[in-house]
Amino acid sequence: MKAIVDLCVVPMGVGVSVSKQVAECQRIIAAAGLEHQMHAYGTNISGDWDDVFATIKACHEAVHAMGTPRITTTIKVGTRVDREQSMQDKIDSVVEKLAD
């Protein structure tokens, strides 16, 4: 089953800046070969359910390995079985309606 996920990984106990840990998660997501798009407060990821969630687990493992004692993560998940829909399809649909 394909899933589109909005992922926000928040390392805790490492100070105010967490960009180093976020960059590591981005490397992991890219290496997994999943379609993804970083935004200001997280990353949208699209792919097979098992691949997406294995990648999220890998992000947690890597960020903990960097010395992060605690992580809080917010995940929003959408699945659709009636047709294929990409992240860009969802954006394009709204942009089209804005043009009307």
PDB file of N, CA and C in Angstrom:
ATOM      1  N   MET A   1       0.850  -1.174   0.000  1.00  0.00           N
ATOM      2  CA  MET A   1       0.000   0.000   0.000  1.00  0.00           C
ATOM      3  C   MET A   1       0.895   1.236   0.000  1.00  0.00           C
ATOM      4  N   LYS A   2       0.549   2.203  -0.849  1.00  0.00           N
ATOM      5  CA  LYS A   2       1.302   3.455  -0.921  1.00  0.00           C
ATOM      6  C   LYS A   2       0.782   4.423   0.140  1.00  0.00           C
ATOM      7  N   ALA A   3       1.698   5.180   0.726  1.00  0.00           N
ATOM      8  CA  ALA A   3       1.335   6.162   1.745  1.00  0.00           C
ATOM      9  C   ALA A   3       2.021   7.491   1.436  1.00  0.00           C
ATOM     10  N   ILE A   4       1.346   8.560   1.797  1.00  0.00           N
ATOM     11  CA  ILE A   4       1.956   9.881   1.814  1.00  0.00           C
ATOM     12  C   ILE A   4       1.976  10.315   3.270  1.00  0.00           C
ATOM     13  N   VAL A   5       3.161  10.663   3.745  1.00  0.00           N
ATOM     14  CA  VAL A   5       3.367  10.961   5.159  1.00  0.00           C
ATOM     15  C   VAL A   5       3.915  12.371   5.311  1.00  0.00           C
ATOM     16  N   ASP A   6       3.417  13.063   6.315  1.00  0.00           N
ATOM     17  CA  ASP A   6       4.022  14.330   6.728  1.00  0.00           C
ATOM     18  C   ASP A   6       4.752  14.019   8.027  1.00  0.00           C
ATOM     19  N   LEU A   7       6.069  14.126   7.996  1.00  0.00           N
ATOM     20  CA  LEU A   7       6.923  13.717   9.107  1.00  0.00           C
ATOM     21  C   LEU A   7       7.602  14.927   9.721  1.00  0.00           C
ATOM     22  N   CYS A   8       7.541  15.009  11.045  1.00  0.00           N
ATOM     23  CA  CYS A   8       8.263  16.055  11.771  1.00  0.00           C
ATOM     24  C   CYS A   8       8.987  15.391  12.934  1.00  0.00           C
ATOM     25  N   VAL A   9      10.305  15.259  12.801  1.00  0.00           N
ATOM     26  CA  VAL A   9      11.152  14.666  13.829  1.00  0.00           C
ATOM     27  C   VAL A   9      11.782  15.802  14.631  1.00  0.00           C
ATOM     28  N   VAL A  10      11.570  15.802  15.944  1.00  0.00           N
ATOM     29  CA  VAL A  10      12.098  16.869  16.789  1.00  0.00           C
ATOM     30  C   VAL A  10      13.055  16.266  17.824  1.00  0.00           C
ATOM     31  N   PRO A  11      14.364  16.435  17.590  1.00  0.00           N
ATOM     32  CA  PRO A  11      15.345  15.980  18.577  1.00  0.00           C
ATOM     33  C   PRO A  11      15.246  16.839  19.837  1.00  0.00           C
ATOM     34  N   MET A  12      15.345  16.206  20.991  1.00  0.00           N
ATOM     35  CA  MET A  12      15.250  16.927  22.262  1.00  0.00           C
ATOM     36  C   MET A  12      16.509  16.673  23.083  1.00  0.00           C
ATOM     37  N   GLY A  13      16.930  17.700  23.792  1.00  0.00           N
ATOM     38  CA  GLY A  13      18.091  17.555  24.661  1.00  0.00           C
ATOM     39  C   GLY A  13      19.412  17.805  23.964  1.00  0.00           C
ATOM     40  N   VAL A  14      19.358  18.470  22.782  1.00  0.00           N
ATOM     41  CA  VAL A  14      20.592  18.733  22.036  1.00  0.00           C
ATOM     42  C   VAL A  14      20.819  20.220  21.795  1.00  0.00           C
ATOM     43  N   GLY A  15      20.052  21.053  22.448  1.00  0.00           N
ATOM     44  CA  GLY A  15      20.196  22.489  22.272  1.00  0.00           C
ATOM     45  C   GLY A  15      19.113  23.057  21.377  1.00  0.00           C
ATOM     46  N   VAL A  16      19.274  24.326  21.042  1.00  0.00           N
ATOM     47  CA  VAL A  16      18.248  25.047  20.286  1.00  0.00           C
ATOM     48  C   VAL A  16      18.251  24.649  18.816  1.00  0.00           C
ATOM     49  N   SER A  17      19.412  24.533  18.195  1.00  0.00           N
ATOM     50  CA  SER A  17      19.490  24.188  16.781  1.00  0.00           C
ATOM     51  C   SER A  17      19.476  22.668  16.606  1.00  0.00           C
ATOM     52  N   VAL A  18      18.625  22.207  15.710  1.00  0.00           N
ATOM     53  CA  VAL A  18      18.537  20.777  15.416  1.00  0.00           C
ATOM     54  C   VAL A  18      18.785  20.504  13.936  1.00  0.00           C
ATOM     55  N   SER A  19      19.331  21.479  13.227  1.00  0.00           N
ATOM     56  CA  SER A  19      19.519  21.328  11.784  1.00  0.00           C
ATOM     57  C   SER A  19      20.474  20.184  11.433  1.00  0.00           C
ATOM     58  N   LYS A  20      21.454  19.911  12.274  1.00  0.00           N
ATOM     59  CA  LYS A  20      22.385  18.805  12.012  1.00  0.00           C
ATOM     60  C   LYS A  20      21.627  17.469  11.998  1.00  0.00           C
ATOM     61  N   GLN A  21      20.723  17.292  12.961  1.00  0.00           N
ATOM     62  CA  GLN A  21      19.944  16.058  13.035  1.00  0.00           C
ATOM     63  C   GLN A  21      18.926  15.978  11.891  1.00  0.00           C
ATOM     64  N   VAL A  22      18.322  17.101  11.563  1.00  0.00           N
ATOM     65  CA  VAL A  22      17.364  17.131  10.455  1.00  0.00           C
ATOM     66  C   VAL A  22      18.077  16.790   9.146  1.00  0.00           C
ATOM     67  N   ALA A  23      19.275  17.324   8.948  1.00  0.00           N
ATOM     68  CA  ALA A  23      20.045  17.021   7.743  1.00  0.00           C
ATOM     69  C   ALA A  23      20.340  15.526   7.644  1.00  0.00           C
ATOM     70  N   GLU A  24      20.635  14.893   8.766  1.00  0.00           N
ATOM     71  CA  GLU A  24      20.899  13.455   8.754  1.00  0.00           C
ATOM     72  C   GLU A  24      19.644  12.686   8.339  1.00  0.00           C
ATOM     73  N   CYS A  25      18.490  13.094   8.838  1.00  0.00           N
ATOM     74  CA  CYS A  25      17.234  12.443   8.420  1.00  0.00           C
ATOM     75  C   CYS A  25      17.007  12.634   6.921  1.00  0.00           C
ATOM     76  N   GLN A  26      17.299  13.815   6.406  1.00  0.00           N
ATOM     77  CA  GLN A  26      17.136  14.062   4.973  1.00  0.00           C
ATOM     78  C   GLN A  26      18.039  13.144   4.159  1.00  0.00           C
ATOM     79  N   ARG A  27      19.256  12.927   4.625  1.00  0.00           N
ATOM     80  CA  ARG A  27      20.170  12.002   3.935  1.00  0.00           C
ATOM     81  C   ARG A  27      19.596  10.585   3.910  1.00  0.00           C
ATOM     82  N   ILE A  28      19.030  10.173   5.023  1.00  0.00           N
ATOM     83  CA  ILE A  28      18.463   8.821   5.134  1.00  0.00           C
ATOM     84  C   ILE A  28      17.266   8.670   4.201  1.00  0.00           C
ATOM     85  N   ILE A  29      16.399   9.660   4.175  1.00  0.00           N
ATOM     86  CA  ILE A  29      15.215   9.617   3.308  1.00  0.00           C
ATOM     87  C   ILE A  29      15.647   9.569   1.844  1.00  0.00           C
ATOM     88  N   ALA A  30      16.612  10.400   1.470  1.00  0.00           N
ATOM     89  CA  ALA A  30      17.098  10.405   0.081  1.00  0.00           C
ATOM     90  C   ALA A  30      17.730   9.062  -0.281  1.00  0.00           C
ATOM     91  N   ALA A  31      18.518   8.508   0.623  1.00  0.00           N
ATOM     92  CA  ALA A  31      19.175   7.225   0.366  1.00  0.00           C
ATOM     93  C   ALA A  31      18.171   6.091   0.209  1.00  0.00           C
ATOM     94  N   ALA A  32      17.005   6.235   0.844  1.00  0.00           N
ATOM     95  CA  ALA A  32      15.957   5.208   0.729  1.00  0.00           C
ATOM     96  C   ALA A  32      15.283   5.241  -0.638  1.00  0.00           C
ATOM     97  N   GLY A  33      15.532   6.318  -1.393  1.00  0.00           N
ATOM     98  CA  GLY A  33      14.957   6.420  -2.730  1.00  0.00           C
ATOM     99  C   GLY A  33      13.492   6.806  -2.746  1.00  0.00           C
ATOM    100  N   LEU A  34      13.014   7.332  -1.629  1.00  0.00           N
ATOM    101  CA  LEU A  34      11.607   7.721  -1.539  1.00  0.00           C
ATOM    102  C   LEU A  34      11.412   9.138  -2.066  1.00  0.00           C
ATOM    103  N   GLU A  35      10.281   9.367  -2.705  1.00  0.00           N
ATOM    104  CA  GLU A  35       9.924  10.715  -3.109  1.00  0.00           C
ATOM    105  C   GLU A  35       9.724  11.522  -1.828  1.00  0.00           C
ATOM    106  N   HIS A  36      10.327  12.701  -1.767  1.00  0.00           N
ATOM    107  CA  HIS A  36      10.213  13.501  -0.549  1.00  0.00           C
ATOM    108  C   HIS A  36      10.377  14.979  -0.868  1.00  0.00           C
ATOM    109  N   GLN A  37       9.833  15.787   0.020  1.00  0.00           N
ATOM    110  CA  GLN A  37       9.941  17.234  -0.116  1.00  0.00           C
ATOM    111  C   GLN A  37      10.006  17.836   1.282  1.00  0.00           C
ATOM    112  N   MET A  38      11.155  18.429   1.592  1.00  0.00           N
ATOM    113  CA  MET A  38      11.302  19.083   2.883  1.00  0.00           C
ATOM    114  C   MET A  38      10.542  20.406   2.862  1.00  0.00           C
ATOM    115  N   HIS A  39       9.955  20.753   3.998  1.00  0.00           N
ATOM    116  CA  HIS A  39       9.327  22.064   4.159  1.00  0.00           C
ATOM    117  C   HIS A  39       9.785  22.626   5.499  1.00  0.00           C
ATOM    118  N   ALA A  40       9.303  23.796   5.844  1.00  0.00           N
ATOM    119  CA  ALA A  40       9.840  24.511   7.013  1.00  0.00           C
ATOM    120  C   ALA A  40       9.702  23.745   8.326  1.00  0.00           C
ATOM    121  N   TYR A  41       8.676  22.923   8.465  1.00  0.00           N
ATOM    122  CA  TYR A  41       8.459  22.216   9.729  1.00  0.00           C
ATOM    123  C   TYR A  41       8.337  20.716   9.554  1.00  0.00           C
ATOM    124  N   GLY A  42       9.049  20.154   8.579  1.00  0.00           N
ATOM    125  CA  GLY A  42       9.014  18.719   8.397  1.00  0.00           C
ATOM    126  C   GLY A  42       9.311  18.318   6.974  1.00  0.00           C
ATOM    127  N   THR A  43       8.904  17.096   6.647  1.00  0.00           N
ATOM    128  CA  THR A  43       9.146  16.535   5.328  1.00  0.00           C
ATOM    129  C   THR A  43       7.952  15.703   4.903  1.00  0.00           C
ATOM    130  N   ASN A  44       7.506  15.894   3.670  1.00  0.00           N
ATOM    131  CA  ASN A  44       6.506  15.013   3.081  1.00  0.00           C
ATOM    132  C   ASN A  44       7.257  13.873   2.401  1.00  0.00           C
ATOM    133  N   ILE A  45       6.781  12.655   2.618  1.00  0.00           N
ATOM    134  CA  ILE A  45       7.415  11.464   2.051  1.00  0.00           C
ATOM    135  C   ILE A  45       6.329  10.617   1.402  1.00  0.00           C
ATOM    136  N   SER A  46       6.628  10.078   0.225  1.00  0.00           N
ATOM    137  CA  SER A  46       5.677   9.221  -0.467  1.00  0.00           C
ATOM    138  C   SER A  46       6.365   7.925  -0.867  1.00  0.00           C
ATOM    139  N   GLY A  47       5.668   6.818  -0.657  1.00  0.00           N
ATOM    140  CA  GLY A  47       6.220   5.523  -1.050  1.00  0.00           C
ATOM    141  C   GLY A  47       5.439   4.388  -0.441  1.00  0.00           C
ATOM    142  N   ASP A  48       5.960   3.194  -0.610  1.00  0.00           N
ATOM    143  CA  ASP A  48       5.339   2.013  -0.021  1.00  0.00           C
ATOM    144  C   ASP A  48       5.329   2.153   1.499  1.00  0.00           C
ATOM    145  N   TRP A  49       4.207   1.794   2.115  1.00  0.00           N
ATOM    146  CA  TRP A  49       4.019   1.920   3.565  1.00  0.00           C
ATOM    147  C   TRP A  49       5.214   1.377   4.338  1.00  0.00           C
ATOM    148  N   ASP A  50       5.608   0.142   4.048  1.00  0.00           N
ATOM    149  CA  ASP A  50       6.691  -0.493   4.798  1.00  0.00           C
ATOM    150  C   ASP A  50       8.016   0.243   4.603  1.00  0.00           C
ATOM    151  N   ASP A  51       8.281   0.711   3.392  1.00  0.00           N
ATOM    152  CA  ASP A  51       9.518   1.441   3.115  1.00  0.00           C
ATOM    153  C   ASP A  51       9.537   2.784   3.853  1.00  0.00           C
ATOM    154  N   VAL A  52       8.407   3.480   3.839  1.00  0.00           N
ATOM    155  CA  VAL A  52       8.323   4.777   4.509  1.00  0.00           C
ATOM    156  C   VAL A  52       8.564   4.610   6.014  1.00  0.00           C
ATOM    157  N   PHE A  53       7.892   3.632   6.623  1.00  0.00           N
ATOM    158  CA  PHE A  53       8.024   3.479   8.070  1.00  0.00           C
ATOM    159  C   PHE A  53       9.376   2.901   8.474  1.00  0.00           C
ATOM    160  N   ALA A  54       9.994   2.088   7.609  1.00  0.00           N
ATOM    161  CA  ALA A  54      11.359   1.627   7.880  1.00  0.00           C
ATOM    162  C   ALA A  54      12.328   2.810   7.841  1.00  0.00           C
ATOM    163  N   THR A  55      12.063   3.753   6.956  1.00  0.00           N
ATOM    164  CA  THR A  55      12.904   4.945   6.846  1.00  0.00           C
ATOM    165  C   THR A  55      12.740   5.843   8.072  1.00  0.00           C
ATOM    166  N   ILE A  56      11.517   5.982   8.555  1.00  0.00           N
ATOM    167  CA  ILE A  56      11.286   6.762   9.776  1.00  0.00           C
ATOM    168  C   ILE A  56      12.028   6.124  10.948  1.00  0.00           C
ATOM    169  N   LYS A  57      11.988   4.816  11.045  1.00  0.00           N
ATOM    170  CA  LYS A  57      12.725   4.115  12.094  1.00  0.00           C
ATOM    171  C   LYS A  57      14.223   4.378  11.960  1.00  0.00           C
ATOM    172  N   ALA A  58      14.732   4.331  10.727  1.00  0.00           N
ATOM    173  CA  ALA A  58      16.155   4.585  10.493  1.00  0.00           C
ATOM    174  C   ALA A  58      16.537   6.008  10.902  1.00  0.00           C
ATOM    175  N   CYS A  59      15.642   6.959  10.674  1.00  0.00           N
ATOM    176  CA  CYS A  59      15.893   8.338  11.115  1.00  0.00           C
ATOM    177  C   CYS A  59      16.035   8.392  12.631  1.00  0.00           C
ATOM    178  N   HIS A  60      15.109   7.747  13.336  1.00  0.00           N
ATOM    179  CA  HIS A  60      15.179   7.735  14.801  1.00  0.00           C
ATOM    180  C   HIS A  60      16.483   7.100  15.270  1.00  0.00           C
ATOM    181  N   GLU A  61      16.841   5.962  14.681  1.00  0.00           N
ATOM    182  CA  GLU A  61      18.064   5.272  15.094  1.00  0.00           C
ATOM    183  C   GLU A  61      19.294   6.152  14.866  1.00  0.00           C
ATOM    184  N   ALA A  62      19.352   6.825  13.723  1.00  0.00           N
ATOM    185  CA  ALA A  62      20.504   7.665  13.404  1.00  0.00           C
ATOM    186  C   ALA A  62      20.589   8.878  14.322  1.00  0.00           C
ATOM    187  N   VAL A  63      19.459   9.511  14.582  1.00  0.00           N
ATOM    188  CA  VAL A  63      19.461  10.702  15.434  1.00  0.00           C
ATOM    189  C   VAL A  63      19.830  10.324  16.867  1.00  0.00           C
ATOM    190  N   HIS A  64      19.358   9.187  17.352  1.00  0.00           N
ATOM    191  CA  HIS A  64      19.785   8.729  18.678  1.00  0.00           C
ATOM    192  C   HIS A  64      21.286   8.433  18.676  1.00  0.00           C
ATOM    193  N   ALA A  65      21.787   7.832  17.592  1.00  0.00           N
ATOM    194  CA  ALA A  65      23.216   7.510  17.505  1.00  0.00           C
ATOM    195  C   ALA A  65      24.084   8.769  17.499  1.00  0.00           C
ATOM    196  N   MET A  66      23.492   9.900  17.142  1.00  0.00           N
ATOM    197  CA  MET A  66      24.220  11.178  17.160  1.00  0.00           C
ATOM    198  C   MET A  66      24.297  11.763  18.567  1.00  0.00           C
ATOM    199  N   GLY A  67      23.730  11.063  19.549  1.00  0.00           N
ATOM    200  CA  GLY A  67      23.781  11.535  20.926  1.00  0.00           C
ATOM    201  C   GLY A  67      22.517  12.212  21.404  1.00  0.00           C
ATOM    202  N   THR A  68      21.459  12.123  20.625  1.00  0.00           N
ATOM    203  CA  THR A  68      20.181  12.725  21.019  1.00  0.00           C
ATOM    204  C   THR A  68      19.483  11.791  22.001  1.00  0.00           C
ATOM    205  N   PRO A  69      19.250  12.257  23.235  1.00  0.00           N
ATOM    206  CA  PRO A  69      18.657  11.374  24.232  1.00  0.00           C
ATOM    207  C   PRO A  69      17.163  11.130  24.035  1.00  0.00           C
ATOM    208  N   ARG A  70      16.495  12.057  23.356  1.00  0.00           N
ATOM    209  CA  ARG A  70      15.040  11.948  23.258  1.00  0.00           C
ATOM    210  C   ARG A  70      14.583  12.552  21.930  1.00  0.00           C
ATOM    211  N   ILE A  71      13.562  11.934  21.330  1.00  0.00           N
ATOM    212  CA  ILE A  71      12.998  12.427  20.080  1.00  0.00           C
ATOM    213  C   ILE A  71      11.482  12.387  20.198  1.00  0.00           C
ATOM    214  N   THR A  72      10.842  13.452  19.765  1.00  0.00           N
ATOM    215  CA  THR A  72       9.386  13.415  19.633  1.00  0.00           C
ATOM    216  C   THR A  72       9.075  13.595  18.149  1.00  0.00           C
ATOM    217  N   THR A  73       8.186  12.776  17.639  1.00  0.00           N
ATOM    218  CA  THR A  73       7.878  12.782  16.211  1.00  0.00           C
ATOM    219  C   THR A  73       6.381  12.874  15.995  1.00  0.00           C
ATOM    220  N   THR A  74       6.012  13.731  15.062  1.00  0.00           N
ATOM    221  CA  THR A  74       4.622  13.834  14.639  1.00  0.00           C
ATOM    222  C   THR A  74       4.531  13.263  13.233  1.00  0.00           C
ATOM    223  N   ILE A  75       3.554  12.376  13.028  1.00  0.00           N
ATOM    224  CA  ILE A  75       3.368  11.747  11.733  1.00  0.00           C
ATOM    225  C   ILE A  75       1.896  11.848  11.341  1.00  0.00           C
ATOM    226  N   LYS A  76       1.659  12.394  10.152  1.00  0.00           N
ATOM    227  CA  LYS A  76       0.322  12.350   9.553  1.00  0.00           C
ATOM    228  C   LYS A  76       0.436  11.432   8.347  1.00  0.00           C
ATOM    229  N   VAL A  77      -0.493  10.487   8.219  1.00  0.00           N
ATOM    230  CA  VAL A  77      -0.420   9.496   7.148  1.00  0.00           C
ATOM    231  C   VAL A  77      -1.706   9.499   6.349  1.00  0.00           C
ATOM    232  N   GLY A  78      -1.556   9.488   5.030  1.00  0.00           N
ATOM    233  CA  GLY A  78      -2.707   9.339   4.150  1.00  0.00           C
ATOM    234  C   GLY A  78      -2.476   8.173   3.207  1.00  0.00           C
ATOM    235  N   THR A  79      -3.516   7.388   3.013  1.00  0.00           N
ATOM    236  CA  THR A  79      -3.459   6.306   2.029  1.00  0.00           C
ATOM    237  C   THR A  79      -4.673   6.433   1.123  1.00  0.00           C
ATOM    238  N   ARG A  80      -4.514   5.945  -0.083  1.00  0.00           N
ATOM    239  CA  ARG A  80      -5.606   6.007  -1.040  1.00  0.00           C
ATOM    240  C   ARG A  80      -5.529   4.755  -1.898  1.00  0.00           C
ATOM    241  N   VAL A  81      -6.655   4.045  -2.040  1.00  0.00           N
ATOM    242  CA  VAL A  81      -6.649   2.807  -2.817  1.00  0.00           C
ATOM    243  C   VAL A  81      -7.512   2.895  -4.073  1.00  0.00           C
ATOM    244  N   ASP A  82      -8.236   4.012  -4.246  1.00  0.00           N
ATOM    245  CA  ASP A  82      -9.105   4.119  -5.426  1.00  0.00           C
ATOM    246  C   ASP A  82      -8.347   4.558  -6.673  1.00  0.00           C
ATOM    247  N   ARG A  83      -7.172   5.215  -6.495  1.00  0.00           N
ATOM    248  CA  ARG A  83      -6.344   5.611  -7.636  1.00  0.00           C
ATOM    249  C   ARG A  83      -4.977   6.043  -7.128  1.00  0.00           C
ATOM    250  N   GLU A  84      -4.019   6.114  -8.043  1.00  0.00           N
ATOM    251  CA  GLU A  84      -2.687   6.617  -7.729  1.00  0.00           C
ATOM    252  C   GLU A  84      -2.752   8.135  -7.605  1.00  0.00           C
ATOM    253  N   GLN A  85      -2.076   8.686  -6.617  1.00  0.00           N
ATOM    254  CA  GLN A  85      -2.018  10.131  -6.460  1.00  0.00           C
ATOM    255  C   GLN A  85      -0.676  10.495  -5.843  1.00  0.00           C
ATOM    256  N   SER A  86       0.049  11.369  -6.526  1.00  0.00           N
ATOM    257  CA  SER A  86       1.350  11.798  -6.017  1.00  0.00           C
ATOM    258  C   SER A  86       1.190  13.027  -5.132  1.00  0.00           C
ATOM    259  N   MET A  87       2.264  13.388  -4.455  1.00  0.00           N
ATOM    260  CA  MET A  87       2.243  14.606  -3.655  1.00  0.00           C
ATOM    261  C   MET A  87       1.991  15.806  -4.555  1.00  0.00           C
ATOM    262  N   GLN A  88       2.629  15.812  -5.729  1.00  0.00           N
ATOM    263  CA  GLN A  88       2.449  16.933  -6.649  1.00  0.00           C
ATOM    264  C   GLN A  88       1.022  16.997  -7.172  1.00  0.00           C
ATOM    265  N   ASP A  89       0.382  15.850  -7.395  1.00  0.00           N
ATOM    266  CA  ASP A  89      -1.026  15.841  -7.821  1.00  0.00           C
ATOM    267  C   ASP A  89      -1.893  16.574  -6.813  1.00  0.00           C
ATOM    268  N   LYS A  90      -1.639  16.343  -5.541  1.00  0.00           N
ATOM    269  CA  LYS A  90      -2.433  16.984  -4.490  1.00  0.00           C
ATOM    270  C   LYS A  90      -2.238  18.503  -4.513  1.00  0.00           C
ATOM    271  N   ILE A  91      -1.006  18.946  -4.695  1.00  0.00           N
ATOM    272  CA  ILE A  91      -0.708  20.375  -4.755  1.00  0.00           C
ATOM    273  C   ILE A  91      -1.340  20.995  -6.003  1.00  0.00           C
ATOM    274  N   ASP A  92      -1.164  20.316  -7.140  1.00  0.00           N
ATOM    275  CA  ASP A  92      -1.697  20.828  -8.400  1.00  0.00           C
ATOM    276  C   ASP A  92      -3.210  21.000  -8.343  1.00  0.00           C
ATOM    277  N   SER A  93      -3.896  20.101  -7.668  1.00  0.00           N
ATOM    278  CA  SER A  93      -5.352  20.180  -7.559  1.00  0.00           C
ATOM    279  C   SER A  93      -5.781  21.463  -6.857  1.00  0.00           C
ATOM    280  N   VAL A  94      -5.086  21.823  -5.785  1.00  0.00           N
ATOM    281  CA  VAL A  94      -5.421  23.049  -5.049  1.00  0.00           C
ATOM    282  C   VAL A  94      -5.040  24.282  -5.866  1.00  0.00           C
ATOM    283  N   VAL A  95      -3.872  24.270  -6.492  1.00  0.00           N
ATOM    284  CA  VAL A  95      -3.437  25.400  -7.300  1.00  0.00           C
ATOM    285  C   VAL A  95      -4.424  25.661  -8.439  1.00  0.00           C
ATOM    286  N   GLU A  96      -4.916  24.590  -9.050  1.00  0.00           N
ATOM    287  CA  GLU A  96      -5.901  24.706 -10.127  1.00  0.00           C
ATOM    288  C   GLU A  96      -7.167  25.396  -9.623  1.00  0.00           C
ATOM    289  N   LYS A  97      -7.603  25.020  -8.447  1.00  0.00           N
ATOM    290  CA  LYS A  97      -8.820  25.616  -7.883  1.00  0.00           C
ATOM    291  C   LYS A  97      -8.599  27.081  -7.494  1.00  0.00           C
ATOM    292  N   LEU A  98      -7.387  27.413  -7.082  1.00  0.00           N
ATOM    293  CA  LEU A  98      -7.070  28.802  -6.764  1.00  0.00           C
ATOM    294  C   LEU A  98      -7.117  29.693  -8.012  1.00  0.00           C
ATOM    295  N   ALA A  99      -6.811  29.104  -9.144  1.00  0.00           N
ATOM    296  CA  ALA A  99      -6.811  29.864 -10.402  1.00  0.00           C
ATOM    297  C   ALA A  99      -8.212  30.159 -10.907  1.00  0.00           C
ATOM    298  N   ASP A 100      -9.197  29.421 -10.414  1.00  0.00           N
ATOM    299  CA  ASP A 100     -10.593  29.624 -10.864  1.00  0.00           C
ATOM    300  C   ASP A 100     -11.163  30.912 -10.317  1.00  0.00           C
TER     301      ASP A 100
END
